[in-house]
Protein backbone atom coordinates (compact mmCIF):
# COMPACT_ATOMS: atom_id res chain seq x y z
CA MET A 1 0.09 0.01 -0.03
CA ARG A 2 1.34 3.47 -0.88
CA THR A 3 0.56 7.04 -0.15
CA GLU A 4 0.85 9.98 -2.21
CA PRO A 5 4.02 12.07 -1.74
CA HIS A 6 3.56 15.27 0.37
CA ALA A 7 5.49 18.36 -0.11
CA ARG A 8 3.81 21.09 2.12
CA VAL A 9 4.31 24.57 1.35
CA THR A 10 4.91 26.14 4.83
CA ALA A 11 8.44 27.17 5.01
CA ALA A 12 11.92 25.59 5.06
CA ARG A 13 11.98 22.04 6.22
CA TRP A 14 11.18 21.44 9.74
CA MET A 15 10.55 18.92 12.59
CA GLY A 16 8.40 19.33 15.63
CA THR A 17 7.62 17.04 18.57
CA GLY A 18 4.78 16.75 21.01
CA ARG A 19 4.09 14.14 23.71
CA ASP A 20 1.25 13.32 26.10
CA GLU A 21 1.58 11.42 29.17
CA ASP A 22 -1.94 10.17 29.00
CA GLY A 23 -1.68 9.09 25.26
CA ASP A 24 -3.71 11.69 23.79
CA ALA A 25 -2.42 11.42 20.23
CA ALA A 26 -4.42 14.46 18.84
CA ALA A 27 -2.89 16.86 21.66
CA ALA A 28 0.59 15.43 20.89
CA ALA A 29 0.32 15.98 17.01
CA ARG A 30 -1.08 19.56 17.63
CA ASP A 31 1.95 20.22 19.69
CA ALA A 32 4.27 18.67 17.20
CA CYS A 33 2.78 20.63 14.29
CA ALA A 34 2.58 23.92 16.21
CA GLY A 35 0.13 25.29 13.49
CA ARG A 36 2.34 24.12 10.66
CA GLU A 37 1.26 21.82 7.75
CA ALA A 38 2.96 18.45 8.32
CA SER A 39 3.69 16.00 5.57
CA LEU A 40 4.52 13.19 8.00
CA LEU A 41 3.58 12.15 11.52
CA LEU A 42 5.72 9.54 13.26
CA LEU A 43 4.02 8.10 16.34
CA PHE A 44 6.12 6.41 19.19
CA ALA A 45 3.68 4.66 21.49
CA ASP A 46 4.47 2.68 24.39
CA SER A 47 2.86 -0.96 24.67
CA GLY A 48 0.02 0.20 26.73
CA HIS A 49 -1.48 2.30 23.78
CA ALA A 50 -3.80 1.12 20.86
CA LEU A 51 -1.61 2.18 18.08
CA ALA A 52 -4.24 2.29 15.41
CA GLU A 53 -6.59 4.48 17.67
CA ALA A 54 -3.75 6.75 18.41
CA GLY A 55 -3.08 7.14 14.55
CA ALA A 56 -6.56 8.09 13.85
CA ALA A 57 -6.68 10.64 16.55
CA ALA A 58 -3.33 12.19 15.24
CA ALA A 59 -4.37 12.31 11.72
CA ALA A 60 -7.45 14.04 12.62
CA ALA A 61 -5.40 16.71 14.28
CA ALA A 62 -3.31 17.06 11.30
CA PRO A 63 -5.29 16.95 8.09
CA GLY A 64 -3.32 15.87 5.06
CA ALA A 65 -0.43 14.35 6.80
CA THR A 66 0.49 10.59 6.64
CA VAL A 67 0.84 8.83 9.76
CA ILE A 68 3.11 5.91 10.52
CA GLY A 69 4.24 4.46 13.98
CA CYS A 70 5.40 1.84 16.06
CA ALA A 71 5.03 0.58 19.65
CA VAL A 72 8.24 1.11 21.63
CA SER A 73 9.72 0.34 25.03
CA GLY A 74 9.62 3.77 26.22
CA THR A 75 10.36 7.33 24.35
CA LEU A 76 12.90 9.85 24.36
CA ASP A 77 13.11 13.43 23.53
CA ALA A 78 14.69 16.53 24.30
CA GLY A 79 13.22 16.81 27.77
CA GLY A 80 14.53 13.22 28.71
CA ALA A 81 13.65 9.55 28.65
CA HIS A 82 10.07 8.45 29.48
CA HIS A 83 8.59 5.10 30.32
CA GLU A 84 5.04 6.03 29.47
CA GLY A 85 3.09 8.18 27.19
CA LEU A 86 3.04 9.00 23.34
CA LEU A 87 5.47 10.82 21.43
CA VAL A 88 4.82 12.38 17.85
CA ALA A 89 7.52 13.64 15.65
CA ALA A 90 6.02 15.87 12.69
CA LEU A 91 8.12 16.59 9.64
CA GLY A 92 7.23 19.18 6.75
CA GLY A 93 8.32 22.07 4.71
CA ASP A 94 8.40 23.21 1.10
CA ASP A 95 11.78 21.69 0.39
CA LEU A 96 10.96 18.33 2.01
CA THR A 97 8.92 15.50 0.21
CA VAL A 98 7.79 12.55 1.90
CA SER A 99 6.15 9.14 0.46
CA THR A 100 5.12 6.14 2.54
CA ALA A 101 4.46 2.63 1.81
CA ALA A 102 3.66 -0.67 3.61
CA ALA A 103 4.22 -4.22 2.75
CA PRO A 104 2.13 -7.07 4.23
CA PRO A 105 3.63 -9.58 6.42
CA ALA A 106 2.96 -12.39 4.10
CA GLY A 107 5.89 -13.66 1.56
CA THR A 108 9.60 -13.14 2.42
CA LEU A 109 11.05 -10.42 4.35
CA ARG A 110 13.40 -9.62 1.69
CA ASP A 111 10.34 -8.88 -0.92
CA ALA A 112 8.60 -7.05 1.78
CA GLY A 113 11.91 -4.68 2.18
CA ALA A 114 11.94 -4.14 -1.66
CA GLU A 115 8.20 -3.57 -1.94
CA ALA A 116 8.09 -1.11 0.66
CA ALA A 117 11.29 0.66 -0.48
CA ALA A 118 9.72 1.44 -3.85
CA CYS A 119 8.27 4.67 -2.54
CA LEU A 120 11.82 6.00 -2.85
CA GLY A 121 10.90 6.77 -6.35
CA ASP A 122 8.33 9.29 -5.29
CA VAL A 123 11.22 11.32 -3.83
CA ALA A 124 13.85 11.06 -6.67
CA GLU A 125 13.68 14.88 -7.61
CA ARG A 126 15.36 15.60 -4.36
CA PRO A 127 19.13 15.71 -4.02
CA HIS A 128 19.15 14.34 -0.48
CA ARG A 129 17.35 11.11 0.52
CA ALA A 130 16.72 8.63 3.30
CA LEU A 131 14.44 5.68 3.78
CA LEU A 132 13.10 5.17 7.25
CA LEU A 133 12.00 1.36 7.87
CA LEU A 134 9.89 0.10 10.62
CA VAL A 135 9.89 -3.88 10.72
CA ASP A 136 7.44 -6.22 12.55
CA ALA A 137 10.11 -7.63 15.10
CA ALA A 138 8.37 -11.01 15.28
CA ALA A 139 8.56 -11.52 11.45
CA GLY A 140 12.20 -13.02 11.50
CA ASP A 141 15.51 -11.74 10.50
CA GLN A 142 15.31 -8.01 10.00
CA GLN A 143 18.67 -8.14 7.97
CA GLU A 144 16.47 -9.69 5.28
CA VAL A 145 14.43 -6.48 5.10
CA VAL A 146 17.52 -4.41 4.83
CA ARG A 147 18.71 -6.61 1.93
CA GLY A 148 15.44 -6.02 0.11
CA ALA A 149 15.51 -2.33 0.70
CA TYR A 150 19.07 -2.15 -0.39
CA SER A 151 18.23 -3.70 -3.69
CA VAL A 152 15.99 -0.91 -4.56
CA ALA A 153 17.65 1.92 -2.89
CA GLY A 154 21.17 1.02 -3.79
CA ALA A 155 24.54 2.35 -2.16
CA GLY A 156 23.62 6.15 -2.28
CA VAL A 157 20.57 6.29 -0.05
CA PRO A 158 21.10 5.64 3.85
CA LEU A 159 18.76 3.60 5.69
CA ILE A 160 17.26 4.05 9.31
CA GLY A 161 14.70 2.57 11.57
CA GLY A 162 14.13 -0.56 13.58
CA GLY A 163 11.91 -3.37 14.74
CA ALA A 164 8.86 -3.29 16.89
CA PRO A 165 5.92 -5.43 18.30
CA ALA A 166 3.43 -3.45 16.44
CA LEU A 167 3.33 -1.11 13.33
CA LEU A 168 1.04 1.67 12.12
CA HIS A 169 0.51 2.84 8.35
CA GLY A 170 -2.36 5.22 7.72
CA GLY A 171 -5.29 3.59 9.37
CA ALA A 172 -3.66 -0.06 8.96
CA GLY A 173 -1.95 -2.05 11.85
CA ASP A 174 -1.19 -5.23 10.03
CA ALA A 175 1.74 -4.19 8.08
CA GLY A 176 5.00 -6.39 8.12
CA VAL A 177 7.33 -3.56 6.83
CA VAL A 178 6.51 0.22 6.86
CA ALA A 179 8.67 2.73 4.87
CA ALA A 180 8.96 6.37 4.85
CA ALA A 181 11.11 7.86 1.93
CA ILE A 182 12.21 11.34 2.93
CA GLY A 183 13.67 13.67 0.36
CA SER A 184 15.29 16.91 1.08
CA GLU A 185 17.12 19.92 -0.49
CA ALA A 186 19.67 19.50 2.53
CA PRO A 187 21.64 16.77 3.59
CA ILE A 188 20.54 13.89 5.82
CA GLY A 189 22.72 12.14 8.15
CA VAL A 190 22.68 8.73 9.72
CA GLY A 191 24.95 7.46 12.55
CA VAL A 192 24.98 4.07 14.67
CA ARG A 193 27.10 2.63 17.51
CA HIS A 194 26.69 0.22 20.23
CA GLY A 195 29.65 0.55 22.59
CA TRP A 196 30.01 -3.32 23.37
CA VAL A 197 33.55 -4.65 23.43
CA PRO A 198 34.86 -8.12 22.64
CA ARG A 199 35.92 -10.58 25.65
CA GLY A 200 38.71 -12.73 24.92
CA ALA A 201 39.53 -15.04 22.16
CA PRO A 202 37.24 -15.44 19.07
CA MET A 203 35.20 -18.69 18.68
CA LEU A 204 34.54 -20.44 15.22
CA VAL A 205 30.66 -21.05 14.38
CA THR A 206 30.99 -24.55 13.39
CA ARG A 207 27.06 -25.22 12.92
CA ALA A 208 24.32 -22.76 12.39
CA GLU A 209 21.08 -22.25 11.00
CA GLY A 210 20.15 -18.93 10.31
CA ARG A 211 19.58 -17.15 13.55
CA ARG A 212 20.26 -20.30 15.64
CA ILE A 213 23.79 -21.53 16.46
CA LEU A 214 24.22 -25.41 17.16
CA GLU A 215 27.92 -25.68 17.58
CA LEU A 216 30.84 -23.19 18.60
CA ASP A 217 34.43 -24.60 18.29
CA GLY A 218 33.01 -28.11 17.42
CA ARG A 219 31.04 -28.17 20.91
CA PRO A 220 27.53 -27.57 21.69
CA ALA A 221 26.82 -23.82 21.41
CA LEU A 222 25.13 -23.29 24.89
CA ASP A 223 28.00 -25.19 26.66
CA ALA A 224 30.77 -23.48 24.77
CA TYR A 225 29.08 -20.08 25.43
CA LEU A 226 28.50 -20.61 29.22
CA ASP A 227 32.13 -21.84 29.58
CA ARG A 228 33.76 -18.78 27.86
CA LEU A 229 31.54 -16.53 30.19
CA CYS A 230 32.62 -18.69 33.45
CA ILE A 231 29.16 -19.37 34.28
CA PRO A 232 28.41 -21.94 36.88
CA PRO A 233 27.23 -25.66 36.06
CA ALA A 234 23.82 -26.30 34.57
CA GLY A 235 21.06 -26.00 36.99
CA ASP A 236 22.51 -23.21 38.80
CA PRO A 237 19.98 -20.30 39.33
CA VAL A 238 22.74 -17.81 38.44
CA ARG A 239 22.87 -19.46 34.83
CA GLU A 240 19.10 -19.34 34.30
CA ALA A 241 18.90 -15.87 35.48
CA LEU A 242 21.96 -14.99 32.79
CA LEU A 243 19.96 -16.77 30.14
CA ALA A 244 16.71 -15.06 30.92
CA LEU A 245 18.78 -11.78 30.49
CA GLY A 246 21.00 -13.05 27.64
CA ARG A 247 20.96 -9.83 25.78
CA THR A 248 23.61 -8.64 28.44
CA TYR A 249 25.92 -10.96 26.75
CA PRO A 250 25.65 -10.79 23.20
CA LEU A 251 27.92 -12.04 20.23
CA GLY A 252 30.07 -9.91 18.13
CA LEU A 253 30.45 -10.84 14.40
CA ALA A 254 33.79 -9.64 12.84
CA ARG A 255 33.43 -6.97 10.14
CA ARG A 256 36.16 -5.54 7.89
CA ALA A 257 35.90 -2.16 9.02
CA GLY A 258 34.16 -0.43 12.18
CA GLU A 259 32.45 -1.91 15.19
CA ALA A 260 31.72 -5.51 15.41
CA GLN A 261 28.14 -6.49 14.44
CA VAL A 262 26.30 -7.35 17.62
CA ARG A 263 23.55 -10.13 18.05
CA ALA A 264 21.53 -10.42 21.15
CA LEU A 265 20.82 -13.64 22.64
CA VAL A 266 17.09 -14.17 22.87
CA ALA A 267 16.49 -18.10 23.43
CA THR A 268 18.34 -21.03 24.53
CA ASP A 269 17.50 -24.72 23.90
CA PRO A 270 18.68 -27.01 27.06
CA VAL A 271 17.88 -30.10 24.99
CA ASP A 272 20.04 -29.50 21.77
CA ARG A 273 22.10 -27.02 23.60
CA SER A 274 21.44 -24.35 20.80
CA LEU A 275 21.69 -20.54 21.14
CA THR A 276 19.10 -18.15 19.03
CA PHE A 277 19.89 -14.66 18.42
CA LEU A 278 18.05 -11.76 16.92
CA GLY A 279 19.69 -11.74 13.62
CA ASP A 280 21.46 -14.33 11.50
CA ILE A 281 24.94 -15.78 12.37
CA PRO A 282 26.89 -17.09 9.47
CA GLN A 283 28.37 -20.65 9.73
CA ALA A 284 32.08 -20.60 9.54
CA GLY A 285 32.27 -17.12 10.92
CA LEU A 286 34.16 -15.82 13.74
CA VAL A 287 32.36 -14.48 17.04
CA TRP A 288 33.15 -13.07 20.31
CA PRO A 289 31.22 -12.85 23.59
CA MET A 290 30.79 -9.03 24.06
CA SER A 291 30.47 -6.94 27.08
CA GLY A 292 29.66 -3.41 28.09
CA ASP A 293 28.54 -1.00 30.75
CA ALA A 294 26.71 2.26 31.22
CA ALA A 295 29.81 4.41 30.37
CA SER A 296 30.65 2.57 26.91
CA ALA A 297 27.05 2.89 26.12
CA LEU A 298 27.07 6.67 26.78
CA GLU A 299 30.22 6.93 24.60
CA ALA A 300 28.49 5.10 21.82
CA THR A 301 25.65 7.57 22.20
CA ASP A 302 27.89 10.50 21.49
CA SER A 303 29.63 8.76 18.56
CA ALA A 304 26.38 7.98 16.84
CA CYS A 305 25.13 11.40 17.22
CA ALA A 306 28.32 13.06 16.21
CA GLN A 307 28.46 10.70 13.00
CA ALA A 308 24.98 11.71 11.93
CA VAL A 309 25.45 15.38 12.54
CA ALA A 310 28.73 15.34 10.63
CA ALA A 311 27.01 14.08 7.62
CA LEU A 312 25.24 17.37 7.61
CA GLY A 313 28.34 19.13 6.21
CA GLY A 314 28.38 21.81 8.75
CA ALA A 315 24.74 22.61 8.69
CA ALA A 316 22.85 22.84 12.01
CA PRO A 317 20.46 19.90 12.55
CA ARG A 318 16.85 20.71 12.42
CA GLY A 319 15.88 17.55 14.20
CA LEU A 320 17.20 14.20 15.25
CA LEU A 321 15.20 10.81 15.22
CA ALA A 322 16.74 8.41 17.66
CA PHE A 323 16.15 4.56 17.33
CA ASP A 324 17.50 3.13 20.49
CA ALA A 325 17.62 -0.61 21.52
CA GLY A 326 15.06 -1.29 24.39
CA ALA A 327 17.44 -3.70 25.86
CA ARG A 328 20.14 -1.12 25.75
CA ARG A 329 17.98 1.64 27.63
CA ALA A 330 17.23 -1.29 30.23
CA ALA A 331 21.03 -1.71 30.86
CA LEU A 332 21.60 1.93 31.08
CA GLY A 333 19.07 2.11 34.10
CA PRO A 334 16.79 5.33 34.83
CA ASP A 335 20.00 7.42 35.37
CA GLY A 336 21.93 6.45 32.47
CA SER A 337 18.75 6.80 30.17
CA ARG A 338 18.25 10.32 31.41
CA GLU A 339 21.97 11.00 30.57
CA GLU A 340 21.75 9.52 27.08
CA ALA A 341 18.63 11.60 26.20
CA ALA A 342 20.70 14.63 27.41
CA ARG A 343 23.55 13.81 25.59
CA ILE A 344 21.31 13.53 22.30
CA ALA A 345 19.69 16.63 23.14
CA ARG A 346 23.21 18.33 23.19
CA HIS A 347 23.90 17.11 19.76
CA ALA A 348 20.78 18.31 18.56
CA ALA A 349 21.84 21.88 19.62
CA GLY A 350 18.24 23.08 20.47
CA ALA A 351 16.66 21.13 17.63
CA PRO A 352 13.84 18.79 18.44
CA VAL A 353 14.66 15.00 19.41
CA ALA A 354 12.18 12.03 19.05
CA GLY A 355 12.79 8.36 19.49
CA GLY A 356 11.98 5.10 21.12
CA GLY A 357 13.26 1.82 22.40
CA MET A 358 13.29 -0.80 19.40
CA SER A 359 13.61 -4.57 19.05
CA GLY A 360 16.67 -4.37 16.59
CA GLU A 361 17.93 -1.19 14.97
CA ILE A 362 18.37 -0.40 11.26
CA ALA A 363 21.14 2.03 10.12
CA ARG A 364 23.04 1.76 6.85
CA THR A 365 25.44 4.20 5.08
CA ARG A 366 27.67 1.78 3.38
CA GLY A 367 27.74 -2.00 2.52
CA LEU A 368 24.80 -4.37 3.51
CA ALA A 369 25.56 -4.62 7.21
CA GLY A 370 22.55 -2.45 8.19
CA PHE A 371 20.58 -4.53 10.85
CA HIS A 372 21.95 -3.88 14.31
CA ASN A 373 21.28 -5.10 18.00
CA LEU A 374 21.71 -3.23 21.26
CA ALA A 375 22.76 -0.05 19.35
CA LEU A 376 21.65 3.47 19.02
CA ALA A 377 20.60 4.43 15.29
CA VAL A 378 20.41 8.48 14.82
CA LEU A 379 18.97 10.22 11.81
CA ALA A 380 19.96 14.02 11.46
CA LEU A 381 17.89 16.22 9.30
CA ALA A 382 19.50 19.51 7.98
């Protein structure tokens, strides 16, 4: 499903935000627009809100704007990190064009990514473009969506977004992938960092099936993983608690340049001793157990924001969109989450900030490695 592209004649491109603790989407949308005509409304709603109803209320408050959104584990804006409520980001301006599309959950994720990315053709006249992708986190490996979108977008268009348990496109809430193509007369920057660091020597993935690792270094994957982390023997409650919070000890995948790709542990099988991760793990690849803390996560926050803003070529940002890992926010804790929001706001230099906690993050500026775990992905609009 596609929407007609919007280029609203109001003023130079702009971004605004509005939030409401009680989930009043109409009030949040009016605050975000502040009397201006928006092309796009992006809703970040905590899991306690009915996304379709919130989208309808926001659309009624901003006639003519296309509404997309997702359920998130907490929101963040220039005022801080919030566990409840609803946040709306509005984009508009006479030199900004937005077109959206949604692909159903049926079929392959790669095909869905390509289908949704086709809306980029509607903003092709703009010199600077980016593709925002929201993905059903339960549908499978989100890297497949990135591959499908890349087949349409090519190397010159950055990708940004993330996975969520519920999506919204217009009045529909059953999409597998939602895309928003943004075309601008000024640069758009994307940055991503996670801050996790390797622990010890690498392990060889000797048997793997997609997101599931069966063997590491020729041993059952679960056993090799626990041994490397010096976890007590099977049956110890500490081990069970660790596996319940397995995202704290992700695996890193070697890359030719930049940070290692991180994959968060989401399930273990005590029978076949396998590990399942949020993203595929290639067989015969090298992986490392990773660790991090609040300090390294906050350093990554600064790096991701700086990377996105640097791509604006010296122009001041008019807004930042932040797609943060929900698990990362949990690891930061309340104080760290507030500090993270404050750091993002400092990089925004007074411009609006909007974001939420995602289940997997999308950020691609080069190559195909565009799906991330436990990371912060940032889009900066000049």
